[in-house]
Amino acid sequence: MRVTRRLEFDAGHRIPDHNSQCRNLHGHRYALEITLAGDLVETPGDAARGMVLDFSDVKAIAREELVDAWDHAFLVCADDAPIVGFLQSLPGHKTVLLDCVPTAENLARIAFSRLARAYQTKFGGRLRLDSVRLYETPHCWADVRAEDMLCPAA
């Protein structure tokens, strides 16, 4: 059985080597869909009986591990020196330094890695992160599935 929870957040980024407008500072209303797979809880008296996981637990873990850190932040590649310097000159600015260019694909991969660890730590082998879909716009998104993370491209 699979369940999916959708969360939304706002963040800025830029793709420094892009050949179009995405090389400029801009932002998006991202949507993150988290799909977990597992067996239904069947323990009598358990608040999650009949569920894979309570949707509020899916949300709480995702917010704690990822969404709260990225919401209303600027997601920037640590080696994008001009922008990193600029952002760090802004008092109290929320900047998240990444080890990669903040494309939808890379952000989805980071989200999957962090969330897979978090759900595994909290719930052990009872469930697993099946996939993450990160919408950069309503019409453009990146998907990462568990099998994508098992055998990274050479």
Protein backbone atom coordinates (compact mmCIF):
# COMPACT_ATOMS: atom_id res chain seq x y z
CA MET A 1 0.00 0.00 0.00
CA ARG A 2 1.19 3.52 -0.77
CA VAL A 3 0.18 6.89 0.66
CA THR A 4 1.18 10.34 -0.54
CA ARG A 5 1.28 13.67 1.26
CA ARG A 6 1.78 17.00 -0.53
CA LEU A 7 3.47 19.98 1.12
CA GLU A 8 4.23 23.38 -0.38
CA PHE A 9 6.94 25.92 0.30
CA ASP A 10 8.43 29.02 -1.28
CA ALA A 11 12.13 29.33 -2.08
CA GLY A 12 14.50 31.19 -4.34
CA HIS A 13 17.37 29.88 -6.40
CA ARG A 14 19.32 30.40 -9.58
CA ILE A 15 20.99 28.10 -12.08
CA PRO A 16 24.27 29.96 -12.70
CA ASP A 17 25.26 28.29 -15.99
CA HIS A 18 21.77 28.23 -17.53
CA ASN A 19 21.39 29.73 -21.01
CA SER A 20 18.13 31.49 -20.21
CA GLN A 21 16.43 33.50 -17.47
CA CYS A 22 16.98 30.82 -14.83
CA ARG A 23 20.53 32.11 -14.40
CA ASN A 24 18.96 35.13 -12.65
CA LEU A 25 17.80 35.21 -9.04
CA HIS A 26 14.16 34.09 -8.91
CA GLY A 27 11.77 32.06 -6.80
CA HIS A 28 9.15 29.36 -7.00
CA ARG A 29 6.17 28.00 -5.12
CA TYR A 30 7.49 24.44 -4.81
CA ALA A 31 5.26 21.47 -4.08
CA LEU A 32 6.71 18.31 -2.59
CA GLU A 33 4.86 15.01 -2.86
CA ILE A 34 6.12 12.28 -0.55
CA THR A 35 4.99 8.70 -1.19
CA LEU A 36 5.55 6.06 1.48
CA ALA A 37 4.98 2.34 1.08
CA GLY A 38 4.20 -0.16 3.79
CA ASP A 39 1.65 -2.46 5.34
CA LEU A 40 -1.46 -1.18 7.05
CA VAL A 41 -1.27 -0.92 10.83
CA GLU A 42 -3.69 -3.53 12.15
CA THR A 43 -3.03 -3.34 15.89
CA PRO A 44 -6.31 -2.93 17.78
CA GLY A 45 -6.37 0.34 19.69
CA ASP A 46 -3.52 1.88 17.64
CA ALA A 47 -4.42 5.41 16.49
CA ALA A 48 -3.00 4.56 13.05
CA ARG A 49 -5.05 1.37 12.68
CA GLY A 50 -6.07 0.96 9.03
CA MET A 51 -3.35 3.36 7.85
CA VAL A 52 0.16 3.02 6.44
CA LEU A 53 1.05 6.14 8.43
CA ASP A 54 -1.02 9.03 9.68
CA PHE A 55 -0.77 11.88 7.17
CA SER A 56 0.05 14.29 10.00
CA ASP A 57 3.16 12.19 10.80
CA VAL A 58 4.24 12.29 7.15
CA LYS A 59 3.94 16.08 7.28
CA ALA A 60 5.63 16.56 10.66
CA ILE A 61 8.72 14.59 9.66
CA ALA A 62 8.99 16.27 6.26
CA ARG A 63 8.73 19.72 7.83
CA GLU A 64 11.29 18.92 10.50
CA GLU A 65 13.80 17.36 8.10
CA LEU A 66 13.45 19.58 5.06
CA VAL A 67 10.53 21.91 4.44
CA ASP A 68 11.03 24.29 7.36
CA ALA A 69 14.70 24.73 6.41
CA TRP A 70 13.95 25.43 2.75
CA ASP A 71 10.76 27.48 3.12
CA HIS A 72 11.37 31.16 2.35
CA ALA A 73 15.08 30.48 1.92
CA PHE A 74 17.42 31.00 -0.98
CA LEU A 75 18.82 27.64 -2.12
CA VAL A 76 22.27 28.19 -3.56
CA CYS A 77 25.21 26.11 -4.73
CA ALA A 78 28.10 26.71 -2.32
CA ASP A 79 30.48 27.36 -5.23
CA ASP A 80 28.27 30.15 -6.67
CA ALA A 81 30.65 32.65 -5.05
CA PRO A 82 29.13 35.98 -6.19
CA ILE A 83 25.67 35.03 -4.97
CA VAL A 84 26.86 33.36 -1.76
CA GLY A 85 28.81 36.51 -0.88
CA PHE A 86 25.85 38.73 -1.69
CA LEU A 87 23.39 36.65 0.34
CA GLN A 88 25.74 36.44 3.30
CA SER A 89 25.99 40.25 3.29
CA LEU A 90 22.24 40.50 3.98
CA PRO A 91 21.66 40.52 7.75
CA GLY A 92 19.48 37.63 8.87
CA HIS A 93 18.92 36.31 5.34
CA LYS A 94 17.87 32.65 5.19
CA THR A 95 20.35 30.97 2.86
CA VAL A 96 20.78 27.23 2.37
CA LEU A 97 24.15 26.23 0.92
CA LEU A 98 24.07 23.09 -1.22
CA ASP A 99 26.87 21.01 -2.70
CA CYS A 100 25.17 21.08 -6.12
CA VAL A 101 23.29 23.38 -8.47
CA PRO A 102 19.72 23.80 -7.11
CA THR A 103 17.85 22.32 -10.07
CA ALA A 104 14.55 20.56 -9.49
CA GLU A 105 16.34 17.26 -10.12
CA ASN A 106 19.04 17.89 -7.52
CA LEU A 107 16.58 19.25 -4.96
CA ALA A 108 14.38 16.17 -5.41
CA ARG A 109 17.42 13.91 -4.93
CA ILE A 110 18.44 15.74 -1.75
CA ALA A 111 14.86 15.61 -0.45
CA PHE A 112 14.66 11.88 -1.11
CA SER A 113 17.94 11.15 0.69
CA ARG A 114 17.07 13.19 3.76
CA LEU A 115 13.51 11.96 4.02
CA ALA A 116 14.38 8.29 3.42
CA ARG A 117 16.79 8.44 6.38
CA ALA A 118 14.25 10.24 8.57
CA TYR A 119 11.35 7.85 7.94
CA GLN A 120 13.66 4.84 8.29
CA THR A 121 15.02 6.13 11.61
CA LYS A 122 11.55 6.86 12.98
CA PHE A 123 9.70 3.78 11.72
CA GLY A 124 12.41 1.20 11.02
CA GLY A 125 11.53 -1.44 8.48
CA ARG A 126 7.77 -0.91 8.82
CA LEU A 127 7.68 1.46 5.87
CA ARG A 128 9.93 2.92 3.22
CA LEU A 129 10.08 6.06 1.16
CA ASP A 130 8.84 5.01 -2.27
CA SER A 131 9.21 8.29 -4.16
CA VAL A 132 9.50 12.03 -4.01
CA ARG A 133 8.08 14.38 -6.62
CA LEU A 134 9.19 18.00 -6.49
CA TYR A 135 7.20 20.50 -8.54
CA GLU A 136 9.16 23.61 -9.48
CA THR A 137 6.10 24.96 -11.26
CA PRO A 138 2.64 23.46 -11.77
CA HIS A 139 3.86 22.17 -15.15
CA CYS A 140 7.44 21.07 -14.36
CA TRP A 141 8.66 18.55 -11.80
CA ALA A 142 11.32 15.97 -11.00
CA ASP A 143 10.66 12.47 -9.69
CA VAL A 144 13.01 10.35 -7.61
CA ARG A 145 12.03 6.76 -6.87
CA ALA A 146 13.65 4.39 -4.42
CA GLU A 147 15.13 2.34 -7.25
CA ASP A 148 16.79 5.49 -8.67
CA MET A 149 18.77 5.86 -5.46
CA LEU A 150 19.92 2.23 -5.30
CA CYS A 151 22.12 2.32 -8.40
CA PRO A 152 23.42 5.82 -9.08
CA ALA A 153 24.53 6.49 -12.64
CA ALA A 154 28.19 5.81 -13.31
